[in-house]
Each structure stands twice: as structure tokens, then as C-alpha cells.
Amino acid sequence: MRLSTDAARDDARSRTVLAAAMDAGIELFDTADAYALDDRDIGHNERLIASLPRRPFVVTKGGLTRPDGAWVPNGRARHLVAAAGASAERLGAIDLYLLHAIDPRVPLATSVRALAKLRDDGVVRAIGLSNIGAHQLEQALAITSIDGVEIELGPYQLDAIRGGLVAACRARGIRVLAHRPFGGPAGVKRLARDEVAGELARQLGVTPHELVLAWLVAQGVVPLPGATRIETVHSSARAQRLTLSPDVVAALDAHWLAMPVPARESVAIASDREVVMIVGMPAAGKSTLAADYAARGYVRLNRDDRGGSLADIARVLDRELANGAARVVLDNTYGTRASRAAVIAVAHRHGVPVHCLVATTSLEQAQANAVARMLELHGRLLEPSELARAKLIAPSVQFRYRRSYEPPRADEGFARIEDLAFVPLPATGRRALVVELDDIVWRKRPSSPAALELIPGARDALAAWHAAGFALAGTTWLTPRELDARLQELLDLPIAIARCTHPAGPPVCWCRKPLPGLALWLAREHGYDLTASVHVGKGPADRGFATRAGLRYVDIADGWPAPPTMET
């Protein structure tokens, strides 16, 4: 990749490196159309490989675009068909074609079907997926056969082993490719300080990096070291010829896989002891569930309270069970099989069953919960820069969790799995009419406060609601105070205004629609019961805003809702 993504690249030097790799006996080359500087440079790395005098086994990938140098997924079938066709033209033939990354905007099934058609049509010889988990592999296998999987895997990134992906591929004869085998620059430095690996490497007369590559081969995977110099090419070739003894592999397993991988068979343990693992996205209500268990005498292990990593929490669990703890509860999201594996393995080693509680809270409800927690702690909506300092989650955290989530299954070693739905507390307060001001109350964005004009009928509708004894709230992109004053002048009604002042782009704040921050803040400030209130808006963002806030939604295309009477 770096032969093409480095701004200081030298194509002549790169071709020399690639030719040296072939001369050293390396036969598989991993590339992608997106290995380039930007969209105008797409296919650069593939063209380098195509220029070699002999043709290696080529793995290439599609499904990422490079607008202005960014990395943006595009898993649409039309894009994959066009991208694979272009890659085949550059390379002559494609031995293995992978979906580079899952596009959260496109169902995985859509992308997988497109790959299968490419293979059926002879555009590519084999297909696979990159950057996935075991659950996503199963989803793909339900559609078609998969020939290869590429994931990040090395001594300091072992999720693919802990989560069962490598074992699942091995059982089905699926080739596993491991990119970033050293963990990037930080991993290279860490490996240089690794005393166990260093000592074993010295005994074998190899470098620690060659030892890592040979160890990965022993795990049944094909490591993909990203060599950019002839010296590292020769080192990779030496590692390819290195066969580790079972004793060395066992020593490295014990060192790097410090927490064992749990058995996949069902574990039947007769015991009055129990470990409860609460699984759910951030702000799904796990803390409330865990507090209930703690009140019943369970030892609670939570990373937010104790700090450290999930591996540290598993070690604490090990100590607690060794010291005789009968009941322990853990609530740390545990969204993937890999994140859950160490806890299950530790519990099994002590003969303790693991009961999994899954908080099945929807994303929309979890978003509302996150805002409610913020308002409870701080009384206001925090700025994006404040969220991390306050140890509160940003919207992107929940989106990432949903993309990577793997539902718990019995084959992980759970004694029991139970789904629990979130039950919100009943709301109290006054009814409100929550209005999207843009395009609903005024015609267009005014150039000045004096130019602000109401849409005909808007004032009468709002006045009717106000006359019925209900409060009015609104959102607006406008910031100057005089515009607020102008709005008050035009309406001649009390109105509470809440606004998002943050720039466009991916949501980094909780106040941008469809996120529910503004509605929940208004409810807290003015005593509104949102479940009894109405939101008048226009379009999907307003509808989503109403759903997350618990408001009844009325689209302005259907007309203004009639104001309620005092009796209703």
C-alpha cells in the first residue's frame, strides 16, 4: 500500500522492490484499487504490479473510494462491478477479489451478491471479504461461498483469533490473509521491546519480525508484511522459509494469547456461582441493570469505574474468582465475540457458568439515553470538544458499535443468553408543539432580520396551539439575537428557541437533527412531556428527530395538526 499512498513515492524504486520480492520467492501480492493518493490516482498500485515481468498471484480489493485522499466506503453493486472491471483491465486477471470494507449505508448482502456475480461472470476467479468478523462471515456464507478473508492480525491485534474468525475460516477451507502483522509503526516499536520474542528470535538466529511472520503462518494464515525496501523484502522471504517447532509456537501462544480462547462446545457446569455479562451499545441501559445486580451482592467489574482495558478487566475477574467470589457482573458493551472471549475463558477455567444479558435497546433509544445522561450530569448539551473530557460518548461511538456488533451465541460458551428490552421511565410535564422553523414558519433563510417573513398560516396555527394553553418550542440555524427578537415580534408569542450551531458533516454533537438533543434539552428546561407532544417538520431528518425524542410526528405536507382541547 505505502508504495502508492506515500506522497514521496518513487515508482522506479517501487518496481525494484516488487521485482526483488518475486525473485526472493514471494508469490502472493495484495493490492487494491484504492491504494493511491486520491480518486484521480485510482489503480496506481495495481498498475505497479501489472508492470512486473512475471505475473504473481494477485489479491485486489474494491469498495473504497478516495475523494480528496479520504477513505470512503462504497459497497453498492454498481460500484463494485465497475471497480472490478477496471481492476481486471489493469491487472489482466484477478485471482482473489475482496470487498475492501463494509459500507454502513449498503446491506452486506447487496455487496456479497455483487461479488458472487463477478465470480460467476468470470470477471474474477475467487471472492472474499476484508475487515470483517465471524458474524459477518456467516452472513456472507448464507448467500454464497467465500474463498478468502483479509483482516488485521498480529501479536498485538488478536481479535480474529479470539473471536473465532480464524477457526471458522480454517474449518471451511477459507484462505486467511493478515494485514498489519506488526501493528503499524507503534507495533514495530513494541515488538522491539518484547523480551520474550527477542530472546526466542536470538535463539533461532532470526529477527523478531521474522519470528512474528513465521508464528502467523503457524496459526494458519498468510501474513502480508508491507515491505517498501529491498532489505525488508529479503527479511520477509527468510520468514517464509522459517518453520517454528511446536515448542516455540506454544511459547509464543502463551505469551501473546495470554488469555486462552474459550472452548466452542457447550459448557455444562453445576455450580451456585455465576458470572453475568451485560452486552449492549453505549447508553443502552447496562449501568442500570448492573447496579441492580450489585445491590444483590454481585461484584461489579466496569472499565469506566476501574480504568484499563477489557483484558485488564478479565484479569481482575480471574483474581476475584480465584479468591472465591460467587457472583460477578460485568457491563462493558462487549459488542464482539473477541471482546467476550477472555471473560468466558476465565470463567470456564474456574468452573463458573456465564449468563449473558443482552440489552436490546434500539439505536434511537440509546441516543436519547445518552443525551438524558448528559443533561442529568451537566444540565446542558456539551460541545463536541467537551464530550471526551467529560467521559461521555459522542454519536459516532454508537454508530461504530452498531457496525461491528456480533450477537452473542451459545457456541461462544455461554450457559444462557437472555434478551432484555429497555423500559423508559414515564415522562411527566406539559405538552408542547415543537416546530422546525426553517421552511415551516418562515419562507427561506433571510439575509437580515428585517427580511424574515412568516409562511402564510403559520402564525394562526401557532397562535391556536398557544391559545389552547400549550407551550411552543422551535429549532433554528440562526444565531444573532436580533433574529430571535424579530421572530418574537412577528409571532407575538412566547417561544423557546434551541439551535445547533455546529458545522455540517458527520454528526459530532448531540444537537444536530435527527439526534434528539435539542428536544430533550427543551423538555428539561421548560418542563415538557415529549411523549405527549407533537413535532411539526419536513423530511426524514425531522421524522427521525421525532422518533428519537419520543414525539408524535406531523409532516407539514399533511397540514398543521389541530390544537388539543383542554379535555384531551
Foldseek 3Di string as FASTA:
>chain_A
DCCAQPPPHDLVLQLVQVQLLVVLPDAEDEEEQQSHQFQVGGCVVLLSQQPHPDHGQYEYEDQWHGHNHDTAGDLALVRVVVRLQVSCVNNVAHAEYEHADDHPVDPPQRSLVSQVVCCVVRSHVFYAYEAAAPQSVVVSVVPHDHAEYEYAEALQDHLNPLQCVLVVCVVVVHAYEHEPHQVPPVSVVVLVVDPLLCVVCVVVVAHSVLVGQQLVVVSVHHYDDPDSHSVVSNNVSVSVVDHDDPVSNVSSCCVSVVQDFDALDADDFDAQAEEEEEADAAQLCLVVVQVVVVVVPAAEQECVVVPDDLVVSLVVVLVCVVVPHRYHYYYYNQFGSSSCGRNLSSCVVSRHAYEYEYSPEDLLQSLLSLLVVVCVVPVAWDDLVCCVVVVGDWSVRRVVSVVRGDDDDSSSHHPYYHYDYDDDDAADFFAEEEEECAVQQFNHDDPDLVRTDGDPPNLVLVVQQVVLPHAYEYEDQDDDPVNVVSVCVVNVDDYHYDYDPDDDDPGSTQRDFPRQNVVVSCCVVHVHRQLRYEYEEADDRSVSNSVSSNHHYDYCVVPRDRHDHPVD
